[in-house]
Amino acid sequence: MARPFSLLAAAALLGGASLARAEPSGSVTLLAGQASASRAGVLRALRAGSAVQSGDLVSTGPATRLEIGLPDGSSLRLGPTSKLRLDEAVFTGGGEKRFSGKLLFGRLWAKVAATLGGQSHFDIETDNAVAGVRGTIFRVDAGRDHAVLVRVYAGAVAVASANRLPRPSPGSGRSEVAGPREVDRAAYEKLVSRAMELRVSPKGDLGEPARFSDADEAQDEWVSWNRNRDGQ
């Protein structure tokens, strides 16, 4: 099974104690087409204004575009034939947020509002990826073959390959290393800044960051629609 990699906001240190869950997690702010949410085996159709909650599995139909607004002002958008599981969504009055979801397949666009407080995190997982960001705009395409494309439109993120990170030995709570040397960060992490992309193989191997241009996306209606929504 392919191991995951992580996509971390360059200036963010994520983690902290668990917070109590808040309900609802967000609401549908735009729907063109058909979408549904299932929870505990119960399927319900979504429409503009519908609430979504932690534990919901959100699915979109063909030719569908769905936008979910979160309490902190962040937006998640799903393209056609996509599936996203909402695992956790906590937003406090003090400015902290804890959000995590898994994109099983399809296309996701995230516009993440800036966060306050060191306990905040915003994670999007795929079968071989976890994307943790703060205050940025990015896109994740998760193929059914588990290949992933990440493109950054604002801010910068560090992409770390978890299959090269030191891992604790089973039951010991300690990490075994091959000698008294520090792990070279450059061996498992790559910085991806604005207007850059990074591709991840189905096995979770990182490619090299490369620049993309507007011309690369000129014919992609999904990208154009999202950029227009971001500008509104």
Protein backbone atom coordinates (compact mmCIF):
# COMPACT_ATOMS: atom_id res chain seq x y z
CA MET A 1 0.00 0.00 0.00
CA ALA A 2 1.33 3.42 -0.88
CA ARG A 3 2.37 5.54 2.05
CA PRO A 4 1.13 9.11 2.36
CA PHE A 5 2.97 12.37 1.95
CA SER A 6 2.08 15.56 3.75
CA LEU A 7 1.58 19.06 2.38
CA LEU A 8 2.28 21.61 5.11
CA ALA A 9 1.96 25.38 5.04
CA ALA A 10 5.52 26.67 5.04
CA ALA A 11 4.99 28.91 8.05
CA ALA A 12 2.65 26.64 10.01
CA LEU A 13 3.37 24.23 12.82
CA LEU A 14 0.30 22.05 13.13
CA GLY A 15 -0.95 19.92 15.98
CA GLY A 16 -2.20 20.33 19.54
CA ALA A 17 -4.87 18.98 21.83
CA SER A 18 -8.25 17.80 20.57
CA LEU A 19 -11.16 20.21 20.70
CA ALA A 20 -14.85 19.52 21.09
CA ARG A 21 -16.74 19.22 17.83
CA ALA A 22 -19.12 21.93 16.71
CA GLU A 23 -22.26 21.23 14.70
CA PRO A 24 -22.92 21.90 11.91
CA SER A 25 -19.54 21.83 10.24
CA GLY A 26 -20.55 24.04 7.31
CA SER A 27 -23.23 24.61 4.70
CA VAL A 28 -23.73 24.41 0.95
CA THR A 29 -23.24 27.90 -0.46
CA LEU A 30 -23.51 26.94 -4.12
CA LEU A 31 -24.74 23.88 -6.00
CA ALA A 32 -24.97 23.44 -9.75
CA GLY A 33 -26.06 19.88 -10.49
CA GLN A 34 -26.74 17.07 -8.06
CA ALA A 35 -24.97 16.21 -4.82
CA SER A 36 -25.70 14.12 -1.76
CA ALA A 37 -24.38 13.41 1.71
CA SER A 38 -24.53 10.11 3.56
CA ARG A 39 -24.07 9.56 7.27
CA ALA A 40 -24.55 6.35 9.24
CA GLY A 41 -26.13 4.73 6.18
CA VAL A 42 -28.66 7.52 5.64
CA LEU A 43 -28.49 9.28 2.26
CA ARG A 44 -29.86 12.80 1.78
CA ALA A 45 -29.90 15.13 -1.19
CA LEU A 46 -28.05 18.41 -0.83
CA ARG A 47 -29.28 21.80 -1.93
CA ALA A 48 -28.18 25.39 -1.40
CA GLY A 49 -28.31 26.09 2.32
CA SER A 50 -28.05 22.44 3.40
CA ALA A 51 -25.94 21.83 6.49
CA VAL A 52 -23.07 19.35 6.43
CA GLN A 53 -21.52 17.75 9.49
CA SER A 54 -18.45 15.89 10.60
CA GLY A 55 -18.85 12.28 9.46
CA ASP A 56 -20.70 13.15 6.26
CA LEU A 57 -19.58 11.55 2.99
CA VAL A 58 -20.28 14.16 0.31
CA SER A 59 -20.64 13.02 -3.31
CA THR A 60 -21.17 14.98 -6.51
CA GLY A 61 -22.76 13.78 -9.73
CA PRO A 62 -21.58 14.29 -13.31
CA ALA A 63 -21.39 17.92 -14.46
CA THR A 64 -21.81 19.09 -10.85
CA ARG A 65 -20.05 21.86 -8.95
CA LEU A 66 -20.47 22.14 -5.21
CA GLU A 67 -19.21 24.76 -2.80
CA ILE A 68 -19.21 24.29 0.99
CA GLY A 69 -18.69 27.33 3.17
CA LEU A 70 -17.03 26.83 6.55
CA PRO A 71 -17.64 29.01 9.62
CA ASP A 72 -14.23 30.72 9.43
CA GLY A 73 -14.81 31.93 5.85
CA SER A 74 -12.90 29.13 4.14
CA SER A 75 -14.42 27.46 1.09
CA LEU A 76 -14.20 23.92 -0.26
CA ARG A 77 -15.30 23.20 -3.82
CA LEU A 78 -15.82 19.81 -5.41
CA GLY A 79 -15.85 19.12 -9.12
CA PRO A 80 -17.91 16.51 -11.00
CA THR A 81 -17.94 12.90 -9.80
CA SER A 82 -15.97 13.62 -6.65
CA LYS A 83 -16.24 12.23 -3.15
CA LEU A 84 -15.13 13.93 0.09
CA ARG A 85 -15.46 12.63 3.64
CA LEU A 86 -15.69 15.28 6.35
CA ASP A 87 -13.79 13.90 9.33
CA GLU A 88 -13.52 16.87 11.68
CA ALA A 89 -14.57 20.52 11.63
CA VAL A 90 -14.10 22.60 14.78
CA PHE A 91 -14.22 26.40 14.76
CA THR A 92 -13.97 28.37 18.00
CA GLY A 93 -14.70 31.99 18.78
CA GLY A 94 -11.03 32.45 19.66
CA GLY A 95 -9.96 31.99 16.05
CA GLU A 96 -8.75 28.40 16.26
CA LYS A 97 -9.91 25.84 13.75
CA ARG A 98 -9.40 22.14 13.30
CA PHE A 99 -10.55 20.74 9.99
CA SER A 100 -9.80 17.46 8.28
CA GLY A 101 -11.40 15.68 5.35
CA LYS A 102 -10.49 12.93 2.91
CA LEU A 103 -10.81 13.34 -0.85
CA LEU A 104 -11.46 9.77 -1.98
CA PHE A 105 -11.34 10.76 -5.65
CA GLY A 106 -12.11 13.70 -7.87
CA ARG A 107 -11.14 17.36 -7.81
CA LEU A 108 -11.05 19.70 -4.84
CA TRP A 109 -10.28 23.39 -4.64
CA ALA A 110 -9.67 24.96 -1.22
CA LYS A 111 -9.55 28.63 -0.32
CA VAL A 112 -8.35 28.62 3.27
CA ALA A 113 -8.86 31.65 5.47
CA ALA A 114 -5.97 32.81 7.63
CA THR A 115 -5.95 31.26 11.08
CA LEU A 116 -5.08 32.54 14.54
CA GLY A 117 -3.58 30.41 17.27
CA GLY A 118 -0.99 27.66 17.22
CA GLN A 119 -3.50 24.83 17.70
CA SER A 120 -5.17 25.35 14.31
CA HIS A 121 -4.85 22.97 11.39
CA PHE A 122 -6.56 22.41 8.06
CA ASP A 123 -5.94 19.01 6.46
CA ILE A 124 -7.08 17.44 3.20
CA GLU A 125 -6.14 13.78 2.88
CA THR A 126 -6.09 11.48 -0.16
CA ASP A 127 -5.20 7.80 -0.37
CA ASN A 128 -1.52 8.70 -0.43
CA ALA A 129 -1.48 12.31 0.73
CA VAL A 130 -2.29 14.64 3.59
CA ALA A 131 -2.42 18.34 2.76
CA GLY A 132 -2.19 20.63 5.77
CA VAL A 133 -2.38 24.32 4.97
CA ARG A 134 -2.92 27.76 6.40
CA GLY A 135 -3.92 30.96 4.66
CA THR A 136 -3.49 29.78 1.08
CA ILE A 137 -5.29 28.73 -2.09
CA PHE A 138 -4.47 25.35 -3.53
CA ARG A 139 -5.88 22.54 -5.60
CA VAL A 140 -5.69 18.77 -5.26
CA ASP A 141 -6.55 16.32 -8.04
CA ALA A 142 -6.76 12.74 -6.75
CA GLY A 143 -6.84 10.09 -9.46
CA ARG A 144 -8.42 6.70 -9.04
CA ASP A 145 -4.92 5.27 -9.57
CA HIS A 146 -3.86 7.24 -6.42
CA ALA A 147 -1.67 9.67 -8.36
CA VAL A 148 -1.99 13.23 -7.05
CA LEU A 149 -1.46 16.67 -8.55
CA VAL A 150 -1.04 19.68 -6.23
CA ARG A 151 -1.01 23.24 -7.57
CA VAL A 152 -0.56 26.31 -5.38
CA TYR A 153 -2.25 29.59 -6.32
CA ALA A 154 -1.42 31.71 -3.29
CA GLY A 155 1.06 31.31 -0.45
CA ALA A 156 3.61 28.52 -0.17
CA VAL A 157 3.51 24.95 1.10
CA ALA A 158 6.09 22.33 1.96
CA VAL A 159 5.43 18.87 0.56
CA ALA A 160 6.88 16.11 2.71
CA SER A 161 7.09 12.47 1.68
CA ALA A 162 6.11 10.32 4.64
CA ASN A 163 7.76 7.22 3.18
CA ARG A 164 11.14 8.84 3.85
CA LEU A 165 10.42 10.13 7.34
CA PRO A 166 11.93 8.30 10.32
CA ARG A 167 9.24 6.10 11.88
CA PRO A 168 9.03 4.80 15.43
CA SER A 169 9.67 1.10 15.92
CA PRO A 170 6.55 -0.88 16.88
CA GLY A 171 5.62 -0.52 20.52
CA SER A 172 8.77 1.36 21.47
CA GLY A 173 7.60 4.93 21.05
CA ARG A 174 11.12 5.69 19.77
CA SER A 175 12.62 6.26 16.35
CA GLU A 176 15.51 4.11 15.21
CA VAL A 177 18.18 5.89 13.19
CA ALA A 178 21.20 4.57 11.35
CA GLY A 179 23.65 6.58 13.43
CA PRO A 180 24.16 9.88 15.28
CA ARG A 181 23.20 12.13 12.38
CA GLU A 182 20.24 14.36 11.69
CA VAL A 183 17.84 13.42 8.94
CA ASP A 184 18.47 15.66 5.93
CA ARG A 185 15.24 17.63 5.57
CA ALA A 186 15.85 18.10 1.85
CA ALA A 187 15.65 14.31 1.42
CA TYR A 188 11.93 14.19 2.16
CA GLU A 189 10.57 17.72 1.80
CA LYS A 190 10.11 20.07 -1.14
CA LEU A 191 8.88 23.64 -1.07
CA VAL A 192 6.08 24.51 -3.47
CA SER A 193 5.34 28.20 -3.83
CA ARG A 194 2.78 30.25 -5.75
CA ALA A 195 2.34 29.24 -9.42
CA MET A 196 4.18 25.96 -8.80
CA GLU A 197 2.96 22.38 -9.00
CA LEU A 198 4.12 19.05 -7.65
CA ARG A 199 3.08 15.60 -8.80
CA VAL A 200 2.99 12.53 -6.59
CA SER A 201 3.16 9.04 -8.04
CA PRO A 202 0.63 6.33 -7.12
CA LYS A 203 3.32 4.96 -4.77
CA GLY A 204 3.64 8.29 -2.97
CA ASP A 205 6.96 9.36 -4.51
CA LEU A 206 7.42 13.09 -4.90
CA GLY A 207 8.34 14.70 -8.19
CA GLU A 208 10.21 17.98 -8.46
CA PRO A 209 8.33 21.28 -8.08
CA ALA A 210 7.75 22.89 -11.47
CA ARG A 211 6.22 26.14 -12.57
CA PHE A 212 2.91 26.16 -14.38
CA SER A 213 1.46 29.04 -16.35
CA ASP A 214 -2.02 30.36 -17.02
CA ALA A 215 -1.68 28.89 -20.49
CA ASP A 216 -1.45 25.43 -18.89
CA GLU A 217 -4.94 25.89 -17.50
CA ALA A 218 -6.56 28.06 -20.17
CA GLN A 219 -8.83 25.25 -21.37
CA ASP A 220 -9.72 23.97 -17.89
CA GLU A 221 -13.20 25.25 -17.06
CA TRP A 222 -12.92 23.95 -13.50
CA VAL A 223 -9.92 26.20 -12.83
CA SER A 224 -11.52 29.22 -14.50
CA TRP A 225 -14.69 28.80 -12.47
CA ASN A 226 -12.78 28.55 -9.21
CA ARG A 227 -10.67 31.60 -9.94
CA ASN A 228 -13.82 33.58 -10.69
CA ARG A 229 -15.37 32.41 -7.42
CA ASP A 230 -12.23 33.39 -5.51
CA GLY A 231 -12.42 36.87 -6.98
CA GLN A 232 -16.06 37.47 -6.07
